[in-house]
C-alpha cells in the first residue's frame, strides 16, 4: 500500500501494462502519417470520447503530458476565448488558498494575475470572500481554478453556487481534476458548472504515477473554449494544425502509455468505474473512522464523512510529546509502509488516500500500524522514552541495526520488528538523515578537475 493523498496511487494491472511494450504501440514514431497509425487513431479517438462522456465535457485533447501541462492548456484555452471576444483586460485568475501549488504557477505562465480566495474554517471556499473578489475584479475576471473535491479531502456542497457567482461576473470555471477519483460515475464537472478541466490519466485512470512521469494530463473543455485546445503545426491530422499551438513536443503527447488507460476504461466499463469511486470513498472513510480516536481528522464534509482521502492531524501530539509528523512518517517505514503525503495541504499533517485498490486486510494493516505508532507516542508522553531516544526519532531502522553494539534505550526488536518477526519485512537502505543539514551542505560527487586533464 502506498497511501499518498492527493496523488492517487492505484493498482496497475498486468493486462493494462503489457500492451505498452508491444511493438505496434512502442515503436511508432510520433509523427508517423495518419494512414500508418490507424490503430493509434482508433485508441485515441476512443479515449478522448470516453473521457468527454464521463466528465460531461464536449471535447478532450490528450496532448498535455502532465497534470501541470493540462492546467496550462486549459488556462490558455480560457485566455484564447477571452481574447477572441476582445476582452483583453480579463487577466485575473482567482485561486482558493487550499489549491495545488501548480495552479498559481500555471495561471502566471498563461499570462494571468493571481488573486487568492480565502478558505472557510471547514476548509471550503469562502463564498463571501469569493463574491467580494468577483465584484472587485468584475471587469478583469478571467477564471477561477477550483479543485473539487477540495484539496482538504471533502465535498463542498457550494460548488454550483461558486460556478454561478463566477459566471455572473464573466469569468470561466476551471475545475482541477486531480481528485476526479472521488467523482467518477457520480458527478460530471461539465454538468455542475465547469467550463474547463484537466484530468490525470496518471492518477484516476491508472497510469503509474511518481518519479516525475511519464504522465498524461488531458484537457477537457465545454462550449466556448473548445476551439482553443492544443494544436500542433506537424499534426498528422491537418485540421488540428491551426490553433493555439502545442503544449508538448508530440501531437499526442505521451501516446506510448495511453494503452494503459484505454484498457482500464474498457475493462471497467461505466459500472466498474462507478464502483471504483464508491469503494475509494468508502476506504477513506473507513480509515478516518478507525483512526479518529487516535489522530484527529482535520476536515470533513458538512455531513461528517470525508471524500476520497482524509487528513490526520499530528500537530497536537507534536505539541504535547515532541514527536513530529516526520517521526511518524519515518516510523511507518519500519512497519512496511511508504508514508502518506506529509504536510500538504496543512503543515504537520498526513493526508491518506487508500484508493479502491487496497483490500480490507491491507487497509487494516495500515490502520494497525498507525494505532501502534500512536501507542509509541503515548510512551513518549508518559516519560518512558524521550523524543530524542525513542524509536520514532531513530526511524527508519536498516538491517545494519541488527548487528554490532546497541546503545539505545529500546530493544533492537522494538526498533526493527515493531509488529513481531516478519519474514517479508521491507528493509530500507538508508536510516534517518539530517535533511536540513544535507540541503545546506551540498557535496559534489563529480570527479576532480584533474581527472579530465590530458
Foldseek 3Di string as FASTA:
>chain_A
DAFAPLFAAFDQDPVLPVVLPPCLLPVDDLLDACVSNVVLVVLQVVVQVVVCVQQVFDTKAFADQALLLLLLQQLLLLCVLCVVVVLPLQAEEEEEPQDDPSNCVSSVVSVHDYDYFYADQQRHTDVVSLLVVCVVCLSRHAEYEAEPVHQQQEHDPCVLVSLVSQVVSVYAYEYEASPCLLPGLNHHCNPSRHFKYWHWCCHLLNNPDDPPDRTIIMMGGHPRSVQAGEADCSHSDVVRNDHPYHSDDGGRHPSSSSSSSSVSCVVQDSVNSNVQSVLLQVLQQVLCVLCCVLFPFRHYYPVRGGTRKTKGACVVLCVQQVQAPQLLQQQVLLLPYRFYDACPPHHRIGITGPGNRDDPVVSVSSSVSSVVVSVQSVCSNVVVDHNCQGLSNFGDDAPVLVDDDDDGPDDSCCRRPVPDDDPPRDGDPDIDDDVVVCVVDPDDPDDPPVVVDD
